[in-house]
Amino acid sequence: MFQEYLHALVFMIIIAGFSVIFILLSRLLTLFNNKYSKIAKENYESGFSMLSDTDQRFSVPYFRPALFSVIMVLFLLLLFPLSLIFSSFPFLSLFLIFILMCLGIGSFIYAIKKGLLSW
C-alpha cells in the first residue's frame, strides 16, 4: 500500500539532505571568509554615501498585495487540474468548481472591501 509513495519519500529525503548540506556549507564558508561583509557595507559604486541604512524593513502593506496575488495565481492554477480530474463526473465537478470559484471571488471581494489591494 505504501510502496506507491516510496519514490516520493526517497525524493523528499534527498531534497532535505541536500538542503541541510548546502546550508551547513554556506555557514562554514562565511565563517572563514568575512571579507565580503566589509565590502557590502561600503558605499555604492557611485561613491556617494547611502541615504539610509540598507537593512531597513519594509512595511507590511507592501507585501499584502504580493501575497494575495500569489494566492490568486495558485487558485487559478488549481482550476485546470480539477477540470481534468473531474471530467468523468460532470455534475460533481461543476459543483466543486462552482464552490471553488465562489470562495475565490468571495475572498477577492473581501480583500477589496478591507483595502488589501490599496497601496
PDB file of N, CA and C in Angstrom:
ATOM      1  N   MET A   1       0.804  -1.192   0.000  1.00  0.00           N
ATOM      2  CA  MET A   1       0.000   0.000   0.000  1.00  0.00           C
ATOM      3  C   MET A   1       0.854   1.265   0.000  1.00  0.00           C
ATOM      4  N   PHE A   2       1.891   1.285   0.842  1.00  0.00           N
ATOM      5  CA  PHE A   2       2.740   2.460   0.923  1.00  0.00           C
ATOM      6  C   PHE A   2       3.880   2.422  -0.089  1.00  0.00           C
ATOM      7  N   GLN A   3       3.960   1.387  -0.858  1.00  0.00           N
ATOM      8  CA  GLN A   3       5.041   1.271  -1.829  1.00  0.00           C
ATOM      9  C   GLN A   3       4.889   2.293  -2.954  1.00  0.00           C
ATOM     10  N   GLU A   4       3.668   2.747  -3.191  1.00  0.00           N
ATOM     11  CA  GLU A   4       3.447   3.771  -4.207  1.00  0.00           C
ATOM     12  C   GLU A   4       4.102   5.088  -3.817  1.00  0.00           C
ATOM     13  N   TYR A   5       4.161   5.352  -2.522  1.00  0.00           N
ATOM     14  CA  TYR A   5       4.707   6.610  -2.032  1.00  0.00           C
ATOM     15  C   TYR A   5       6.191   6.519  -1.697  1.00  0.00           C
ATOM     16  N   LEU A   6       6.806   5.378  -1.914  1.00  0.00           N
ATOM     17  CA  LEU A   6       8.208   5.201  -1.562  1.00  0.00           C
ATOM     18  C   LEU A   6       9.110   6.121  -2.375  1.00  0.00           C
ATOM     19  N   HIS A   7       8.815   6.276  -3.661  1.00  0.00           N
ATOM     20  CA  HIS A   7       9.633   7.151  -4.501  1.00  0.00           C
ATOM     21  C   HIS A   7       9.547   8.597  -4.030  1.00  0.00           C
ATOM     22  N   ALA A   8       8.362   9.040  -3.669  1.00  0.00           N
ATOM     23  CA  ALA A   8       8.206  10.410  -3.185  1.00  0.00           C
ATOM     24  C   ALA A   8       8.930  10.600  -1.859  1.00  0.00           C
ATOM     25  N   LEU A   9       8.885   9.598  -0.988  1.00  0.00           N
ATOM     26  CA  LEU A   9       9.569   9.688   0.290  1.00  0.00           C
ATOM     27  C   LEU A   9      11.083   9.762   0.107  1.00  0.00           C
ATOM     28  N   VAL A  10      11.612   8.927  -0.763  1.00  0.00           N
ATOM     29  CA  VAL A  10      13.052   8.950  -1.041  1.00  0.00           C
ATOM     30  C   VAL A  10      13.450  10.299  -1.635  1.00  0.00           C
ATOM     31  N   PHE A  11      12.631  10.820  -2.531  1.00  0.00           N
ATOM     32  CA  PHE A  11      12.901  12.108  -3.145  1.00  0.00           C
ATOM     33  C   PHE A  11      12.898  13.221  -2.112  1.00  0.00           C
ATOM     34  N   MET A  12      11.967  13.181  -1.174  1.00  0.00           N
ATOM     35  CA  MET A  12      11.915  14.196  -0.131  1.00  0.00           C
ATOM     36  C   MET A  12      13.110  14.086   0.813  1.00  0.00           C
ATOM     37  N   ILE A  13      13.556  12.893   1.094  1.00  0.00           N
ATOM     38  CA  ILE A  13      14.734  12.702   1.949  1.00  0.00           C
ATOM     39  C   ILE A  13      15.979  13.238   1.261  1.00  0.00           C
ATOM     40  N   ILE A  14      16.098  12.999  -0.031  1.00  0.00           N
ATOM     41  CA  ILE A  14      17.249  13.515  -0.783  1.00  0.00           C
ATOM     42  C   ILE A  14      17.231  15.034  -0.804  1.00  0.00           C
ATOM     43  N   ILE A  15      16.068  15.626  -1.024  1.00  0.00           N
ATOM     44  CA  ILE A  15      15.965  17.084  -1.041  1.00  0.00           C
ATOM     45  C   ILE A  15      16.313  17.659   0.324  1.00  0.00           C
ATOM     46  N   ALA A  16      15.818  17.065   1.391  1.00  0.00           N
ATOM     47  CA  ALA A  16      16.133  17.545   2.732  1.00  0.00           C
ATOM     48  C   ALA A  16      17.629  17.414   3.023  1.00  0.00           C
ATOM     49  N   GLY A  17      18.230  16.317   2.586  1.00  0.00           N
ATOM     50  CA  GLY A  17      19.666  16.132   2.791  1.00  0.00           C
ATOM     51  C   GLY A  17      20.485  17.173   2.065  1.00  0.00           C
ATOM     52  N   PHE A  18      20.152  17.436   0.798  1.00  0.00           N
ATOM     53  CA  PHE A  18      20.874  18.460   0.049  1.00  0.00           C
ATOM     54  C   PHE A  18      20.657  19.849   0.659  1.00  0.00           C
ATOM     55  N   SER A  19      19.469  20.120   1.151  1.00  0.00           N
ATOM     56  CA  SER A  19      19.208  21.415   1.774  1.00  0.00           C
ATOM     57  C   SER A  19      20.080  21.606   3.010  1.00  0.00           C
ATOM     58  N   VAL A  20      20.145  20.592   3.842  1.00  0.00           N
ATOM     59  CA  VAL A  20      20.974  20.686   5.051  1.00  0.00           C
ATOM     60  C   VAL A  20      22.442  20.828   4.680  1.00  0.00           C
ATOM     61  N   ILE A  21      22.887  20.077   3.691  1.00  0.00           N
ATOM     62  CA  ILE A  21      24.297  20.158   3.269  1.00  0.00           C
ATOM     63  C   ILE A  21      24.628  21.548   2.759  1.00  0.00           C
ATOM     64  N   PHE A  22      23.768  22.140   1.917  1.00  0.00           N
ATOM     65  CA  PHE A  22      24.047  23.466   1.363  1.00  0.00           C
ATOM     66  C   PHE A  22      23.986  24.554   2.427  1.00  0.00           C
ATOM     67  N   ILE A  23      23.077  24.437   3.376  1.00  0.00           N
ATOM     68  CA  ILE A  23      23.011  25.429   4.449  1.00  0.00           C
ATOM     69  C   ILE A  23      24.257  25.353   5.316  1.00  0.00           C
ATOM     70  N   LEU A  24      24.664  24.137   5.687  1.00  0.00           N
ATOM     71  CA  LEU A  24      25.870  23.994   6.504  1.00  0.00           C
ATOM     72  C   LEU A  24      27.112  24.442   5.752  1.00  0.00           C
ATOM     73  N   LEU A  25      27.179  24.168   4.456  1.00  0.00           N
ATOM     74  CA  LEU A  25      28.324  24.584   3.650  1.00  0.00           C
ATOM     75  C   LEU A  25      28.403  26.105   3.545  1.00  0.00           C
ATOM     76  N   SER A  26      27.271  26.765   3.382  1.00  0.00           N
ATOM     77  CA  SER A  26      27.291  28.232   3.305  1.00  0.00           C
ATOM     78  C   SER A  26      27.680  28.839   4.644  1.00  0.00           C
ATOM     79  N   ARG A  27      27.211  28.267   5.737  1.00  0.00           N
ATOM     80  CA  ARG A  27      27.603  28.768   7.063  1.00  0.00           C
ATOM     81  C   ARG A  27      29.095  28.570   7.296  1.00  0.00           C
ATOM     82  N   LEU A  28      29.606  27.436   6.868  1.00  0.00           N
ATOM     83  CA  LEU A  28      31.025  27.142   7.046  1.00  0.00           C
ATOM     84  C   LEU A  28      31.886  28.090   6.224  1.00  0.00           C
ATOM     85  N   LEU A  29      31.475  28.368   5.000  1.00  0.00           N
ATOM     86  CA  LEU A  29      32.245  29.271   4.155  1.00  0.00           C
ATOM     87  C   LEU A  29      32.216  30.704   4.662  1.00  0.00           C
ATOM     88  N   THR A  30      31.122  31.144   5.238  1.00  0.00           N
ATOM     89  CA  THR A  30      31.070  32.511   5.755  1.00  0.00           C
ATOM     90  C   THR A  30      31.871  32.661   7.042  1.00  0.00           C
ATOM     91  N   LEU A  31      32.123  31.583   7.756  1.00  0.00           N
ATOM     92  CA  LEU A  31      32.965  31.687   8.944  1.00  0.00           C
ATOM     93  C   LEU A  31      34.412  31.970   8.573  1.00  0.00           C
ATOM     94  N   PHE A  32      34.890  31.378   7.479  1.00  0.00           N
ATOM     95  CA  PHE A  32      36.288  31.513   7.105  1.00  0.00           C
ATOM     96  C   PHE A  32      36.555  32.692   6.189  1.00  0.00           C
ATOM     97  N   ASN A  33      35.535  33.238   5.544  1.00  0.00           N
ATOM     98  CA  ASN A  33      35.751  34.295   4.569  1.00  0.00           C
ATOM     99  C   ASN A  33      34.812  35.454   4.867  1.00  0.00           C
ATOM    100  N   ASN A  34      35.295  36.429   5.642  1.00  0.00           N
ATOM    101  CA  ASN A  34      34.460  37.553   6.032  1.00  0.00           C
ATOM    102  C   ASN A  34      34.780  38.829   5.271  1.00  0.00           C
ATOM    103  N   LYS A  35      35.591  38.764   4.221  1.00  0.00           N
ATOM    104  CA  LYS A  35      35.976  39.986   3.529  1.00  0.00           C
ATOM    105  C   LYS A  35      34.810  40.586   2.739  1.00  0.00           C
ATOM    106  N   TYR A  36      33.833  39.781   2.368  1.00  0.00           N
ATOM    107  CA  TYR A  36      32.727  40.325   1.582  1.00  0.00           C
ATOM    108  C   TYR A  36      31.766  41.122   2.434  1.00  0.00           C
ATOM    109  N   SER A  37      31.694  40.845   3.715  1.00  0.00           N
ATOM    110  CA  SER A  37      30.802  41.634   4.560  1.00  0.00           C
ATOM    111  C   SER A  37      31.305  43.065   4.691  1.00  0.00           C
ATOM    112  N   LYS A  38      32.615  43.287   4.673  1.00  0.00           N
ATOM    113  CA  LYS A  38      33.164  44.636   4.737  1.00  0.00           C
ATOM    114  C   LYS A  38      32.859  45.390   3.453  1.00  0.00           C
ATOM    115  N   ILE A  39      32.962  44.729   2.320  1.00  0.00           N
ATOM    116  CA  ILE A  39      32.701  45.377   1.037  1.00  0.00           C
ATOM    117  C   ILE A  39      31.219  45.714   0.909  1.00  0.00           C
ATOM    118  N   ALA A  40      30.379  44.867   1.423  1.00  0.00           N
ATOM    119  CA  ALA A  40      28.946  45.109   1.307  1.00  0.00           C
ATOM    120  C   ALA A  40      28.501  46.312   2.121  1.00  0.00           C
ATOM    121  N   LYS A  41      29.240  46.673   3.164  1.00  0.00           N
ATOM    122  CA  LYS A  41      28.859  47.803   3.995  1.00  0.00           C
ATOM    123  C   LYS A  41      29.448  49.126   3.509  1.00  0.00           C
ATOM    124  N   GLU A  42      30.265  49.092   2.469  1.00  0.00           N
ATOM    125  CA  GLU A  42      30.852  50.325   1.941  1.00  0.00           C
ATOM    126  C   GLU A  42      29.870  51.034   1.026  1.00  0.00           C
ATOM    127  N   ASN A  43      30.308  52.207   0.534  1.00  0.00           N
ATOM    128  CA  ASN A  43      29.470  52.994  -0.363  1.00  0.00           C
ATOM    129  C   ASN A  43      29.225  52.242  -1.666  1.00  0.00           C
ATOM    130  N   TYR A  44      28.193  52.688  -2.369  1.00  0.00           N
ATOM    131  CA  TYR A  44      27.887  52.066  -3.651  1.00  0.00           C
ATOM    132  C   TYR A  44      28.900  52.502  -4.703  1.00  0.00           C
ATOM    133  N   GLU A  45      28.729  52.036  -5.924  1.00  0.00           N
ATOM    134  CA  GLU A  45      29.693  52.294  -6.991  1.00  0.00           C
ATOM    135  C   GLU A  45      29.807  53.778  -7.328  1.00  0.00           C
ATOM    136  N   SER A  46      28.750  54.540  -7.098  1.00  0.00           N
ATOM    137  CA  SER A  46      28.776  55.955  -7.456  1.00  0.00           C
ATOM    138  C   SER A  46      29.703  56.756  -6.558  1.00  0.00           C
ATOM    139  N   GLY A  47      30.009  56.252  -5.385  1.00  0.00           N
ATOM    140  CA  GLY A  47      30.896  56.957  -4.478  1.00  0.00           C
ATOM    141  C   GLY A  47      30.174  57.817  -3.479  1.00  0.00           C
ATOM    142  N   PHE A  48      28.878  58.025  -3.648  1.00  0.00           N
ATOM    143  CA  PHE A  48      28.099  58.819  -2.711  1.00  0.00           C
ATOM    144  C   PHE A  48      27.748  57.990  -1.494  1.00  0.00           C
ATOM    145  N   SER A  49      27.550  58.672  -0.404  1.00  0.00           N
ATOM    146  CA  SER A  49      27.118  57.971   0.800  1.00  0.00           C
ATOM    147  C   SER A  49      25.671  57.531   0.649  1.00  0.00           C
ATOM    148  N   MET A  50      25.329  56.484   1.342  1.00  0.00           N
ATOM    149  CA  MET A  50      23.964  55.986   1.276  1.00  0.00           C
ATOM    150  C   MET A  50      23.029  56.938   2.011  1.00  0.00           C
ATOM    151  N   LEU A  51      21.812  57.064   1.505  1.00  0.00           N
ATOM    152  CA  LEU A  51      20.841  57.951   2.138  1.00  0.00           C
ATOM    153  C   LEU A  51      20.268  57.351   3.404  1.00  0.00           C
ATOM    154  N   SER A  52      20.130  56.048   3.419  1.00  0.00           N
ATOM    155  CA  SER A  52      19.586  55.387   4.599  1.00  0.00           C
ATOM    156  C   SER A  52      20.266  54.039   4.773  1.00  0.00           C
ATOM    157  N   ASP A  53      19.947  53.387   5.862  1.00  0.00           N
ATOM    158  CA  ASP A  53      20.515  52.077   6.146  1.00  0.00           C
ATOM    159  C   ASP A  53      19.976  51.050   5.156  1.00  0.00           C
ATOM    160  N   THR A  54      20.815  50.166   4.693  1.00  0.00           N
ATOM    161  CA  THR A  54      20.373  49.163   3.721  1.00  0.00           C
ATOM    162  C   THR A  54      19.599  48.032   4.365  1.00  0.00           C
ATOM    163  N   ASP A  55      19.622  47.947   5.665  1.00  0.00           N
ATOM    164  CA  ASP A  55      18.906  46.880   6.358  1.00  0.00           C
ATOM    165  C   ASP A  55      17.533  47.324   6.833  1.00  0.00           C
ATOM    166  N   GLN A  56      16.959  48.325   6.179  1.00  0.00           N
ATOM    167  CA  GLN A  56      15.658  48.810   6.619  1.00  0.00           C
ATOM    168  C   GLN A  56      14.567  47.797   6.327  1.00  0.00           C
ATOM    169  N   ARG A  57      13.548  47.822   7.131  1.00  0.00           N
ATOM    170  CA  ARG A  57      12.419  46.919   6.972  1.00  0.00           C
ATOM    171  C   ARG A  57      11.331  47.625   6.188  1.00  0.00           C
ATOM    172  N   PHE A  58      10.650  46.839   5.349  1.00  0.00           N
ATOM    173  CA  PHE A  58       9.535  47.380   4.598  1.00  0.00           C
ATOM    174  C   PHE A  58       8.252  47.163   5.388  1.00  0.00           C
ATOM    175  N   SER A  59       7.334  48.048   5.149  1.00  0.00           N
ATOM    176  CA  SER A  59       6.054  47.963   5.825  1.00  0.00           C
ATOM    177  C   SER A  59       5.273  46.763   5.314  1.00  0.00           C
ATOM    178  N   VAL A  60       4.426  46.208   6.168  1.00  0.00           N
ATOM    179  CA  VAL A  60       3.635  45.038   5.811  1.00  0.00           C
ATOM    180  C   VAL A  60       2.697  45.291   4.630  1.00  0.00           C
ATOM    181  N   PRO A  61       2.090  46.487   4.490  1.00  0.00           N
ATOM    182  CA  PRO A  61       1.180  46.685   3.350  1.00  0.00           C
ATOM    183  C   PRO A  61       1.832  46.505   1.983  1.00  0.00           C
ATOM    184  N   TYR A  62       3.135  46.566   1.879  1.00  0.00           N
ATOM    185  CA  TYR A  62       3.788  46.299   0.600  1.00  0.00           C
ATOM    186  C   TYR A  62       3.716  44.819   0.242  1.00  0.00           C
ATOM    187  N   PHE A  63       3.714  43.969   1.237  1.00  0.00           N
ATOM    188  CA  PHE A  63       3.742  42.541   0.981  1.00  0.00           C
ATOM    189  C   PHE A  63       2.353  41.931   0.849  1.00  0.00           C
ATOM    190  N   ARG A  64       1.346  42.603   1.361  1.00  0.00           N
ATOM    191  CA  ARG A  64      -0.010  42.057   1.288  1.00  0.00           C
ATOM    192  C   ARG A  64      -0.505  41.859  -0.142  1.00  0.00           C
ATOM    193  N   PRO A  65      -0.406  42.861  -1.024  1.00  0.00           N
ATOM    194  CA  PRO A  65      -0.880  42.613  -2.398  1.00  0.00           C
ATOM    195  C   PRO A  65      -0.074  41.539  -3.114  1.00  0.00           C
ATOM    196  N   ALA A  66       1.213  41.463  -2.830  1.00  0.00           N
ATOM    197  CA  ALA A  66       2.036  40.440  -3.460  1.00  0.00           C
ATOM    198  C   ALA A  66       1.615  39.053  -3.006  1.00  0.00           C
ATOM    199  N   LEU A  67       1.397  38.898  -1.724  1.00  0.00           N
ATOM    200  CA  LEU A  67       0.963  37.608  -1.200  1.00  0.00           C
ATOM    201  C   LEU A  67      -0.413  37.246  -1.717  1.00  0.00           C
ATOM    202  N   PHE A  68      -1.303  38.228  -1.790  1.00  0.00           N
ATOM    203  CA  PHE A  68      -2.646  37.963  -2.299  1.00  0.00           C
ATOM    204  C   PHE A  68      -2.599  37.565  -3.772  1.00  0.00           C
ATOM    205  N   SER A  69      -1.732  38.203  -4.565  1.00  0.00           N
ATOM    206  CA  SER A  69      -1.641  37.841  -5.983  1.00  0.00           C
ATOM    207  C   SER A  69      -1.082  36.434  -6.155  1.00  0.00           C
ATOM    208  N   VAL A  70      -0.149  36.043  -5.310  1.00  0.00           N
ATOM    209  CA  VAL A  70       0.385  34.679  -5.381  1.00  0.00           C
ATOM    210  C   VAL A  70      -0.708  33.667  -5.058  1.00  0.00           C
ATOM    211  N   ILE A  71      -1.510  33.961  -4.058  1.00  0.00           N
ATOM    212  CA  ILE A  71      -2.605  33.056  -3.686  1.00  0.00           C
ATOM    213  C   ILE A  71      -3.610  32.948  -4.818  1.00  0.00           C
ATOM    214  N   MET A  72      -3.927  34.076  -5.480  1.00  0.00           N
ATOM    215  CA  MET A  72      -4.894  34.031  -6.577  1.00  0.00           C
ATOM    216  C   MET A  72      -4.343  33.270  -7.783  1.00  0.00           C
ATOM    217  N   VAL A  73      -3.061  33.392  -8.048  1.00  0.00           N
ATOM    218  CA  VAL A  73      -2.467  32.640  -9.156  1.00  0.00           C
ATOM    219  C   VAL A  73      -2.513  31.148  -8.856  1.00  0.00           C
ATOM    220  N   LEU A  74      -2.208  30.769  -7.622  1.00  0.00           N
ATOM    221  CA  LEU A  74      -2.306  29.356  -7.248  1.00  0.00           C
ATOM    222  C   LEU A  74      -3.739  28.858  -7.328  1.00  0.00           C
ATOM    223  N   PHE A  75      -4.671  29.712  -6.981  1.00  0.00           N
ATOM    224  CA  PHE A  75      -6.079  29.370  -7.086  1.00  0.00           C
ATOM    225  C   PHE A  75      -6.458  29.096  -8.543  1.00  0.00           C
ATOM    226  N   LEU A  76      -6.004  29.958  -9.443  1.00  0.00           N
ATOM    227  CA  LEU A  76      -6.321  29.759 -10.858  1.00  0.00           C
ATOM    228  C   LEU A  76      -5.612  28.539 -11.436  1.00  0.00           C
ATOM    229  N   LEU A  77      -4.406  28.270 -10.954  1.00  0.00           N
ATOM    230  CA  LEU A  77      -3.693  27.088 -11.427  1.00  0.00           C
ATOM    231  C   LEU A  77      -4.338  25.803 -10.934  1.00  0.00           C
ATOM    232  N   LEU A  78      -5.075  25.885  -9.852  1.00  0.00           N
ATOM    233  CA  LEU A  78      -5.763  24.715  -9.311  1.00  0.00           C
ATOM    234  C   LEU A  78      -6.983  24.342 -10.142  1.00  0.00           C
ATOM    235  N   LEU A  79      -7.540  25.309 -10.856  1.00  0.00           N
ATOM    236  CA  LEU A  79      -8.755  25.034 -11.623  1.00  0.00           C
ATOM    237  C   LEU A  79      -8.513  24.076 -12.787  1.00  0.00           C
ATOM    238  N   PHE A  80      -7.397  24.188 -13.458  1.00  0.00           N
ATOM    239  CA  PHE A  80      -7.135  23.338 -14.621  1.00  0.00           C
ATOM    240  C   PHE A  80      -7.017  21.859 -14.254  1.00  0.00           C
ATOM    241  N   PRO A  81      -6.201  21.481 -13.263  1.00  0.00           N
ATOM    242  CA  PRO A  81      -6.169  20.063 -12.894  1.00  0.00           C
ATOM    243  C   PRO A  81      -7.513  19.543 -12.380  1.00  0.00           C
ATOM    244  N   LEU A  82      -8.248  20.410 -11.689  1.00  0.00           N
ATOM    245  CA  LEU A  82      -9.561  19.988 -11.225  1.00  0.00           C
ATOM    246  C   LEU A  82     -10.478  19.652 -12.398  1.00  0.00           C
ATOM    247  N   SER A  83     -10.429  20.462 -13.430  1.00  0.00           N
ATOM    248  CA  SER A  83     -11.298  20.198 -14.571  1.00  0.00           C
ATOM    249  C   SER A  83     -10.874  18.926 -15.298  1.00  0.00           C
ATOM    250  N   LEU A  84      -9.600  18.591 -15.281  1.00  0.00           N
ATOM    251  CA  LEU A  84      -9.151  17.352 -15.922  1.00  0.00           C
ATOM    252  C   LEU A  84      -9.492  16.125 -15.086  1.00  0.00           C
ATOM    253  N   ILE A  85      -9.319  16.230 -13.780  1.00  0.00           N
ATOM    254  CA  ILE A  85      -9.562  15.083 -12.912  1.00  0.00           C
ATOM    255  C   ILE A  85     -11.042  14.748 -12.859  1.00  0.00           C
ATOM    256  N   PHE A  86     -11.859  15.776 -12.739  1.00  0.00           N
ATOM    257  CA  PHE A  86     -13.281  15.554 -12.564  1.00  0.00           C
ATOM    258  C   PHE A  86     -14.067  15.532 -13.871  1.00  0.00           C
ATOM    259  N   SER A  87     -13.414  15.319 -14.995  1.00  0.00           N
ATOM    260  CA  SER A  87     -14.144  15.294 -16.263  1.00  0.00           C
ATOM    261  C   SER A  87     -15.048  14.070 -16.369  1.00  0.00           C
ATOM    262  N   SER A  88     -14.739  13.027 -15.617  1.00  0.00           N
ATOM    263  CA  SER A  88     -15.587  11.831 -15.658  1.00  0.00           C
ATOM    264  C   SER A  88     -16.856  12.002 -14.816  1.00  0.00           C
ATOM    265  N   PHE A  89     -16.858  12.970 -13.891  1.00  0.00           N
ATOM    266  CA  PHE A  89     -18.036  13.270 -13.081  1.00  0.00           C
ATOM    267  C   PHE A  89     -18.486  14.691 -13.389  1.00  0.00           C
ATOM    268  N   PRO A  90     -19.246  14.910 -14.443  1.00  0.00           N
ATOM    269  CA  PRO A  90     -19.519  16.285 -14.881  1.00  0.00           C
ATOM    270  C   PRO A  90     -20.310  17.114 -13.877  1.00  0.00           C
ATOM    271  N   PHE A  91     -21.318  16.550 -13.234  1.00  0.00           N
ATOM    272  CA  PHE A  91     -22.127  17.348 -12.312  1.00  0.00           C
ATOM    273  C   PHE A  91     -21.391  17.616 -11.004  1.00  0.00           C
ATOM    274  N   LEU A  92     -20.682  16.608 -10.510  1.00  0.00           N
ATOM    275  CA  LEU A  92     -19.910  16.802  -9.283  1.00  0.00           C
ATOM    276  C   LEU A  92     -18.787  17.803  -9.508  1.00  0.00           C
ATOM    277  N   SER A  93     -18.107  17.680 -10.638  1.00  0.00           N
ATOM    278  CA  SER A  93     -17.000  18.601 -10.913  1.00  0.00           C
ATOM    279  C   SER A  93     -17.517  20.021 -11.097  1.00  0.00           C
ATOM    280  N   LEU A  94     -18.656  20.174 -11.757  1.00  0.00           N
ATOM    281  CA  LEU A  94     -19.224  21.502 -11.930  1.00  0.00           C
ATOM    282  C   LEU A  94     -19.578  22.111 -10.571  1.00  0.00           C
ATOM    283  N   PHE A  95     -20.131  21.317  -9.682  1.00  0.00           N
ATOM    284  CA  PHE A  95     -20.487  21.786  -8.353  1.00  0.00           C
ATOM    285  C   PHE A  95     -19.240  22.176  -7.549  1.00  0.00           C
ATOM    286  N   LEU A  96     -18.201  21.335  -7.586  1.00  0.00           N
ATOM    287  CA  LEU A  96     -16.983  21.623  -6.825  1.00  0.00           C
ATOM    288  C   LEU A  96     -16.249  22.839  -7.371  1.00  0.00           C
ATOM    289  N   ILE A  97     -16.214  22.967  -8.691  1.00  0.00           N
ATOM    290  CA  ILE A  97     -15.557  24.134  -9.280  1.00  0.00           C
ATOM    291  C   ILE A  97     -16.362  25.391  -8.984  1.00  0.00           C
ATOM    292  N   PHE A  98     -17.679  25.276  -8.940  1.00  0.00           N
ATOM    293  CA  PHE A  98     -18.526  26.413  -8.580  1.00  0.00           C
ATOM    294  C   PHE A  98     -18.236  26.852  -7.145  1.00  0.00           C
ATOM    295  N   ILE A  99     -18.099  25.898  -6.242  1.00  0.00           N
ATOM    296  CA  ILE A  99     -17.773  26.238  -4.847  1.00  0.00           C
ATOM    297  C   ILE A  99     -16.398  26.893  -4.766  1.00  0.00           C
ATOM    298  N   LEU A 100     -15.434  26.352  -5.498  1.00  0.00           N
ATOM    299  CA  LEU A 100     -14.091  26.920  -5.500  1.00  0.00           C
ATOM    300  C   LEU A 100     -14.098  28.336  -6.076  1.00  0.00           C
ATOM    301  N   MET A 101     -14.851  28.555  -7.125  1.00  0.00           N
ATOM    302  CA  MET A 101     -14.938  29.892  -7.718  1.00  0.00           C
ATOM    303  C   MET A 101     -15.620  30.868  -6.761  1.00  0.00           C
ATOM    304  N   CYS A 102     -16.656  30.402  -6.078  1.00  0.00           N
ATOM    305  CA  CYS A 102     -17.333  31.272  -5.107  1.00  0.00           C
ATOM    306  C   CYS A 102     -16.378  31.661  -3.977  1.00  0.00           C
ATOM    307  N   LEU A 103     -15.569  30.721  -3.510  1.00  0.00           N
ATOM    308  CA  LEU A 103     -14.588  31.037  -2.471  1.00  0.00           C
ATOM    309  C   LEU A 103     -13.541  32.026  -2.968  1.00  0.00           C
ATOM    310  N   GLY A 104     -13.081  31.823  -4.196  1.00  0.00           N
ATOM    311  CA  GLY A 104     -12.081  32.722  -4.757  1.00  0.00           C
ATOM    312  C   GLY A 104     -12.616  34.118  -4.987  1.00  0.00           C
ATOM    313  N   ILE A 105     -13.791  34.205  -5.561  1.00  0.00           N
ATOM    314  CA  ILE A 105     -14.384  35.521  -5.810  1.00  0.00           C
ATOM    315  C   ILE A 105     -14.761  36.185  -4.494  1.00  0.00           C
ATOM    316  N   GLY A 106     -15.252  35.394  -3.550  1.00  0.00           N
ATOM    317  CA  GLY A 106     -15.563  35.946  -2.236  1.00  0.00           C
ATOM    318  C   GLY A 106     -14.333  36.497  -1.529  1.00  0.00           C
ATOM    319  N   SER A 107     -13.231  35.797  -1.610  1.00  0.00           N
ATOM    320  CA  SER A 107     -12.007  36.298  -0.982  1.00  0.00           C
ATOM    321  C   SER A 107     -11.486  37.534  -1.695  1.00  0.00           C
ATOM    322  N   PHE A 108     -11.667  37.613  -3.000  1.00  0.00           N
ATOM    323  CA  PHE A 108     -11.254  38.794  -3.744  1.00  0.00           C
ATOM    324  C   PHE A 108     -12.102  40.008  -3.348  1.00  0.00           C
ATOM    325  N   ILE A 109     -13.407  39.818  -3.222  1.00  0.00           N
ATOM    326  CA  ILE A 109     -14.292  40.907  -2.803  1.00  0.00           C
ATOM    327  C   ILE A 109     -13.975  41.331  -1.369  1.00  0.00           C
ATOM    328  N   TYR A 110     -13.698  40.368  -0.503  1.00  0.00           N
ATOM    329  CA  TYR A 110     -13.315  40.676   0.879  1.00  0.00           C
ATOM    330  C   TYR A 110     -12.023  41.487   0.914  1.00  0.00           C
ATOM    331  N   ALA A 111     -11.065  41.122   0.065  1.00  0.00           N
ATOM    332  CA  ALA A 111      -9.797  41.847   0.027  1.00  0.00           C
ATOM    333  C   ALA A 111      -9.999  43.268  -0.467  1.00  0.00           C
ATOM    334  N   ILE A 112     -10.880  43.465  -1.425  1.00  0.00           N
ATOM    335  CA  ILE A 112     -11.140  44.813  -1.913  1.00  0.00           C
ATOM    336  C   ILE A 112     -11.843  45.635  -0.834  1.00  0.00           C
ATOM    337  N   LYS A 113     -12.815  45.059  -0.135  1.00  0.00           N
ATOM    338  CA  LYS A 113     -13.531  45.805   0.901  1.00  0.00           C
ATOM    339  C   LYS A 113     -12.652  46.159   2.090  1.00  0.00           C
ATOM    340  N   LYS A 114     -11.713  45.282   2.422  1.00  0.00           N
ATOM    341  CA  LYS A 114     -10.801  45.562   3.531  1.00  0.00           C
ATOM    342  C   LYS A 114      -9.665  46.506   3.135  1.00  0.00           C
ATOM    343  N   GLY A 115      -9.562  46.806   1.831  1.00  0.00           N
ATOM    344  CA  GLY A 115      -8.496  47.696   1.374  1.00  0.00           C
ATOM    345  C   GLY A 115      -7.160  47.021   1.260  1.00  0.00           C
ATOM    346  N   LEU A 116      -7.156  45.726   1.059  1.00  0.00           N
ATOM    347  CA  LEU A 116      -5.917  44.964   0.984  1.00  0.00           C
ATOM    348  C   LEU A 116      -5.125  45.313  -0.267  1.00  0.00           C
ATOM    349  N   LEU A 117      -5.792  45.600  -1.342  1.00  0.00           N
ATOM    350  CA  LEU A 117      -5.122  45.852  -2.605  1.00  0.00           C
ATOM    351  C   LEU A 117      -4.770  47.319  -2.808  1.00  0.00           C
ATOM    352  N   SER A 118      -5.103  48.175  -1.862  1.00  0.00           N
ATOM    353  CA  SER A 118      -4.741  49.586  -1.993  1.00  0.00           C
ATOM    354  C   SER A 118      -3.356  49.812  -1.421  1.00  0.00           C
ATOM    355  N   TRP A 119      -2.600  50.619  -2.070  1.00  0.00           N
ATOM    356  CA  TRP A 119      -1.239  50.899  -1.616  1.00  0.00           C
ATOM    357  C   TRP A 119      -1.283  52.050  -0.642  1.00  0.00           C
TER     358      TRP A 119
END
